Amino acid sequence: GAEEAVEKQYLCPNQASPEPPIPKFSSFGWELWSLRPGRDVRIETCTDAMLSASSCQDLDTIPDSQFRQVCNKAMPPTSETSFKFKVPLNNKWTVPKTALERNGRELVNRPEFDIDFSLVYHMQYSEAESNVDKKFSENVEQGDFTPDDQFRIYTGTTDFMGKGGGIDGYKNLADIIPANAPVLRNSIDLQVDSDFAVQDILTARNLTGGAAANLWPKDEQGIRLSLEKFSPLRIEWELSSIGGRNDDQVIVMQPGYEYLMEALVQIRPIYSSDVWEEGKIERWERQMVSTSASKSVLSDINKKNQVLVRYKIRFDPLVQPQTFLRDYTVLRFTHSLGAAAGYIVLGTVLLSCARRVQRVGFRRKR
């Protein structure tokens, strides 16, 4: 029969999991919470592409201290998988009224202050294979020529890690030098989803008769213009302590390990009040309070071939909004004017009484 051409996408996910997410927490009735439609993690783009090694350098031109930081021609990167996904942070949960009545409405936003998600990468080898091969190579000669005059290195690393992609004068080494471990380049941005935000603001107003979200502009266009003031906030980590690079936020993916990326963020809305004492949202102040990166061994023996990259982002729940008031507003002016007018009226009454007394006195004198 005719052969059907199939486009290969080696690492890009091509199907969604049929199983709904299972809540890991049961305190305060959190197991009853569910995600709102459309507010789950979603992948925006994903591409697999071959890389050009034309910009890589010769080994003898790279200092030893920069060997792992610079692309070299002996082991250049050959392919790249780039994917972008979005994780909604707030206004994504649905909670039954029974849970609120039982635990109190003050818990309604608790789960949204902690964002915890993981990316799991499955390798076809583990650190154990690498260590066994390394130990074996230490006790034997570096290699020998086969009967067909091909040099064969005494190692099995090329069988499970793949072969290097040497170019130019390093092509002959491609069959004997194993590929290096893959790396992950992180890029985490906090930003506003305007479509969801507008929908939530208008829905809150409709459900409360205009009482909620009343400090936002009245029309949709004004809301979107205000949202543009929230520029993306990029989170970066110090990665050299776990064998990574800080300049381009790269992690060397070693199977059997968990890489934990933690961050504490403060986001404070700033409001202002005009001369009529009507408030409105002005901007947001954002601050990265702290970040930390750590690396630990996966305890589950069945996960020795996996690389787990876990992101744990917390938002400071103690941050309070700020409102800037004008020194002299129309309301204060009215109050002041009313007080002054009271004194004027009181003075007029006293003056009238004095005049009346004087008139009576004059009549008596007569």
Foldseek 3Di string as FASTA:
>chain_A
DDDDDDDDDPPDDDDDDPDADQDPDCPLNPRQKDWDPPQAKDWDDKDKAFDDLPPADDPVVDDPVCPVVGAHQQFGDTMDMDTDMDHDQDPTMDHDVVSCVVRNPVCVCVVSQKDKDKDKDFFQDFVVLVVVQVVVLVPDDQWDADPVRQTEGSGCQCVRQNFGDHDDPNNSVRVHHGHAFDKDFDKDKDADDLVVVLVVLVVVCVVVVRPPPVQFDDDSVSNSVQRVQGDIDIDFEDCVVVPADRPRRMDRFHFQKEKEKEWEKEKAWEWEAALQRRIHTDHIDIDTPDIYIDMDGDPDPVRRRMYMYMYMYGYDPPHYYYYHYDPHHPVNVVVVVVVVVVVVVVVVVVVVVVVVVVVVVVVVVD
